[in-house]
Structure formats: C-alpha cells, structure tokens
Amino acid sequence: MNRYCFALDLKEDPDLIAEYEAHHRAVWPEIVVSIKDAGIECMEIYRWHNRLFMIMEVNDEFSFEQKEKMDAANPVVQEWEKLMWKYQQALPGTAAEGKWQLMNKIF
C-alpha cells in the first residue's frame, strides 16, 4: 500500500469554507464509488485555516494516469470538481488553475 499527501488552499471566506465542509460531510455517492474504483483504499482531508491536506492510501493497482482518465470520462466527477473549484484556489507559487499539489515526504 502506498500513501500520498497533497495540499490545496480554500478561498479565505468563512461562509465558503463552511459550505465546502458541508459538501464533504455528504459526498455524492458517485464520487465515493469513483475513488474506490480507482484503487484508493482510504482518503482523508484535513483543514488548517484555509489550507487543506489530503492523505490517500492506494492499492498496488492505482495509478495517477488511470485515475485522471477515469475522472475525465466521468461527468459526475467533472461536475463535482467544478463545484469544488468554487471554494478552492491554487497554492501560492503554482499555476492559477492548479488543484491538489503532491507533497514530498521528508520524514
């Protein structure tokens, strides 16, 4: 099992942050299925102020390339991602359209 960690920021707006968290308390069932179908065994998101940290544990069949293809072909995932971008913003120093940034393990 491999583990990957990512970071992303939310827009600094308490109302938007509350909405974002509400969406994640009731993630659409199709999104959960797409996560599992990609080989992601466990996914957790943590927040500190407007900074998000996502931890993914994946099985041996998981690949980022395959997940990207699956997501691109899934209209529900595309709708979810569009909705989430209402609340998210790229990390400083990354492309304006950048989403989750893979973090390097240092310890």
C-alpha atoms as a PDB file:
ATOM      1  CA  MET A   1       0.000   0.000   0.000  1.00  0.00           C
ATOM      2  CA  ASN A   2       1.298   3.441  -0.955  1.00  0.00           C
ATOM      3  CA  ARG A   3       0.443   6.733   0.713  1.00  0.00           C
ATOM      4  CA  TYR A   4       0.363  10.132  -0.996  1.00  0.00           C
ATOM      5  CA  CYS A   5      -0.188  13.548   0.584  1.00  0.00           C
ATOM      6  CA  PHE A   6      -1.437  16.661  -1.171  1.00  0.00           C
ATOM      7  CA  ALA A   7      -2.058  20.312  -0.315  1.00  0.00           C
ATOM      8  CA  LEU A   8      -4.530  22.866  -1.631  1.00  0.00           C
ATOM      9  CA  ASP A   9      -5.994  26.131  -0.370  1.00  0.00           C
ATOM     10  CA  LEU A  10      -9.563  27.215   0.103  1.00  0.00           C
ATOM     11  CA  LYS A  11     -10.660  30.752  -0.586  1.00  0.00           C
ATOM     12  CA  GLU A  12     -10.375  32.779   2.602  1.00  0.00           C
ATOM     13  CA  ASP A  13     -14.097  33.183   3.191  1.00  0.00           C
ATOM     14  CA  PRO A  14     -15.672  31.618   6.300  1.00  0.00           C
ATOM     15  CA  ASP A  15     -19.020  31.062   4.555  1.00  0.00           C
ATOM     16  CA  LEU A  16     -17.400  29.301   1.593  1.00  0.00           C
ATOM     17  CA  ILE A  17     -15.251  27.201   3.920  1.00  0.00           C
ATOM     18  CA  ALA A  18     -18.367  26.145   5.838  1.00  0.00           C
ATOM     19  CA  GLU A  19     -20.103  25.200   2.573  1.00  0.00           C
ATOM     20  CA  TYR A  20     -17.053  23.216   1.453  1.00  0.00           C
ATOM     21  CA  GLU A  21     -17.021  21.267   4.703  1.00  0.00           C
ATOM     22  CA  ALA A  22     -20.776  20.637   4.427  1.00  0.00           C
ATOM     23  CA  HIS A  23     -20.270  19.142   0.960  1.00  0.00           C
ATOM     24  CA  HIS A  24     -17.625  16.824   2.398  1.00  0.00           C
ATOM     25  CA  ARG A  25     -19.940  15.639   5.155  1.00  0.00           C
ATOM     26  CA  ALA A  26     -22.282  14.469   2.364  1.00  0.00           C
ATOM     27  CA  VAL A  27     -20.017  13.491  -0.529  1.00  0.00           C
ATOM     28  CA  TRP A  28     -22.011  12.321  -3.525  1.00  0.00           C
ATOM     29  CA  PRO A  29     -22.170   8.500  -3.664  1.00  0.00           C
ATOM     30  CA  GLU A  30     -20.834   8.502  -7.250  1.00  0.00           C
ATOM     31  CA  ILE A  31     -17.719  10.310  -6.051  1.00  0.00           C
ATOM     32  CA  VAL A  32     -17.086   7.709  -3.357  1.00  0.00           C
ATOM     33  CA  VAL A  33     -17.500   4.948  -5.973  1.00  0.00           C
ATOM     34  CA  SER A  34     -15.064   6.683  -8.346  1.00  0.00           C
ATOM     35  CA  ILE A  35     -12.493   6.962  -5.554  1.00  0.00           C
ATOM     36  CA  LYS A  36     -12.762   3.271  -4.674  1.00  0.00           C
ATOM     37  CA  ASP A  37     -12.829   2.179  -8.341  1.00  0.00           C
ATOM     38  CA  ALA A  38      -9.521   3.988  -8.902  1.00  0.00           C
ATOM     39  CA  GLY A  39      -7.808   1.910  -6.226  1.00  0.00           C
ATOM     40  CA  ILE A  40      -7.887   4.465  -3.442  1.00  0.00           C
ATOM     41  CA  GLU A  41      -8.414   2.500  -0.238  1.00  0.00           C
ATOM     42  CA  CYS A  42      -8.548   5.450   2.148  1.00  0.00           C
ATOM     43  CA  MET A  43      -8.808   9.198   1.614  1.00  0.00           C
ATOM     44  CA  GLU A  44      -8.840  11.833   4.331  1.00  0.00           C
ATOM     45  CA  ILE A  45      -8.859  15.632   4.090  1.00  0.00           C
ATOM     46  CA  TYR A  46      -7.751  17.893   6.939  1.00  0.00           C
ATOM     47  CA  ARG A  47      -8.007  21.679   7.187  1.00  0.00           C
ATOM     48  CA  TRP A  48      -5.919  24.283   8.955  1.00  0.00           C
ATOM     49  CA  HIS A  49      -7.348  27.776   8.402  1.00  0.00           C
ATOM     50  CA  ASN A  50      -7.797  27.790   4.615  1.00  0.00           C
ATOM     51  CA  ARG A  51      -5.096  25.176   3.875  1.00  0.00           C
ATOM     52  CA  LEU A  52      -6.198  21.631   3.050  1.00  0.00           C
ATOM     53  CA  PHE A  53      -4.162  18.452   3.385  1.00  0.00           C
ATOM     54  CA  MET A  54      -5.317  15.253   1.711  1.00  0.00           C
ATOM     55  CA  ILE A  55      -3.910  11.841   2.539  1.00  0.00           C
ATOM     56  CA  MET A  56      -4.557   8.965   0.129  1.00  0.00           C
ATOM     57  CA  GLU A  57      -3.712   5.329   0.709  1.00  0.00           C
ATOM     58  CA  VAL A  58      -3.849   3.378  -2.533  1.00  0.00           C
ATOM     59  CA  ASN A  59      -3.605  -0.255  -3.584  1.00  0.00           C
ATOM     60  CA  ASP A  60      -0.970  -1.672  -5.919  1.00  0.00           C
ATOM     61  CA  GLU A  61      -3.202  -1.223  -8.991  1.00  0.00           C
ATOM     62  CA  PHE A  62      -3.566   2.547  -8.504  1.00  0.00           C
ATOM     63  CA  SER A  63      -2.016   4.944 -10.994  1.00  0.00           C
ATOM     64  CA  PHE A  64      -2.401   8.700 -11.285  1.00  0.00           C
ATOM     65  CA  GLU A  65      -2.685   8.404 -15.069  1.00  0.00           C
ATOM     66  CA  GLN A  66      -5.556   5.908 -14.869  1.00  0.00           C
ATOM     67  CA  LYS A  67      -7.353   7.983 -12.205  1.00  0.00           C
ATOM     68  CA  GLU A  68      -7.063  11.060 -14.424  1.00  0.00           C
ATOM     69  CA  LYS A  69      -8.543   9.170 -17.404  1.00  0.00           C
ATOM     70  CA  MET A  70     -11.372   7.764 -15.290  1.00  0.00           C
ATOM     71  CA  ASP A  71     -12.206  11.201 -13.885  1.00  0.00           C
ATOM     72  CA  ALA A  72     -12.151  12.848 -17.329  1.00  0.00           C
ATOM     73  CA  ALA A  73     -14.651  10.258 -18.600  1.00  0.00           C
ATOM     74  CA  ASN A  74     -16.998  10.607 -15.616  1.00  0.00           C
ATOM     75  CA  PRO A  75     -19.467  13.515 -15.920  1.00  0.00           C
ATOM     76  CA  VAL A  76     -20.409  13.335 -12.219  1.00  0.00           C
ATOM     77  CA  VAL A  77     -16.760  13.660 -11.178  1.00  0.00           C
ATOM     78  CA  GLN A  78     -16.398  16.601 -13.578  1.00  0.00           C
ATOM     79  CA  GLU A  79     -19.479  18.258 -12.041  1.00  0.00           C
ATOM     80  CA  TRP A  80     -18.116  17.688  -8.511  1.00  0.00           C
ATOM     81  CA  GLU A  81     -14.708  19.114  -9.431  1.00  0.00           C
ATOM     82  CA  LYS A  82     -16.321  22.181 -10.990  1.00  0.00           C
ATOM     83  CA  LEU A  83     -18.403  22.712  -7.847  1.00  0.00           C
ATOM     84  CA  MET A  84     -15.375  22.265  -5.561  1.00  0.00           C
ATOM     85  CA  TRP A  85     -13.357  24.831  -7.538  1.00  0.00           C
ATOM     86  CA  LYS A  86     -15.903  27.426  -6.340  1.00  0.00           C
ATOM     87  CA  TYR A  87     -14.292  27.012  -2.903  1.00  0.00           C
ATOM     88  CA  GLN A  88     -10.695  26.158  -3.797  1.00  0.00           C
ATOM     89  CA  GLN A  89      -7.741  28.191  -5.011  1.00  0.00           C
ATOM     90  CA  ALA A  90      -4.287  27.269  -6.194  1.00  0.00           C
ATOM     91  CA  LEU A  91      -1.434  27.226  -3.715  1.00  0.00           C
ATOM     92  CA  PRO A  92       0.901  30.231  -3.870  1.00  0.00           C
ATOM     93  CA  GLY A  93       3.597  29.631  -6.469  1.00  0.00           C
ATOM     94  CA  THR A  94       1.538  27.154  -8.535  1.00  0.00           C
ATOM     95  CA  ALA A  95      -0.446  27.593 -11.745  1.00  0.00           C
ATOM     96  CA  ALA A  96      -3.689  29.530 -11.260  1.00  0.00           C
ATOM     97  CA  GLU A  97      -5.715  26.517 -12.390  1.00  0.00           C
ATOM     98  CA  GLY A  98      -3.653  24.123 -10.249  1.00  0.00           C
ATOM     99  CA  LYS A  99      -5.500  21.874  -7.875  1.00  0.00           C
ATOM    100  CA  TRP A 100      -4.125  19.398  -5.363  1.00  0.00           C
ATOM    101  CA  GLN A 101      -0.317  19.501  -5.215  1.00  0.00           C
ATOM    102  CA  LEU A 102       1.588  16.329  -4.382  1.00  0.00           C
ATOM    103  CA  MET A 103       3.794  16.820  -1.329  1.00  0.00           C
ATOM    104  CA  ASN A 104       7.263  15.332  -0.879  1.00  0.00           C
ATOM    105  CA  LYS A 105       7.766  13.091   2.126  1.00  0.00           C
ATOM    106  CA  ILE A 106      10.690  14.357   4.180  1.00  0.00           C
ATOM    107  CA  PHE A 107      10.322  12.257   7.355  1.00  0.00           C
END
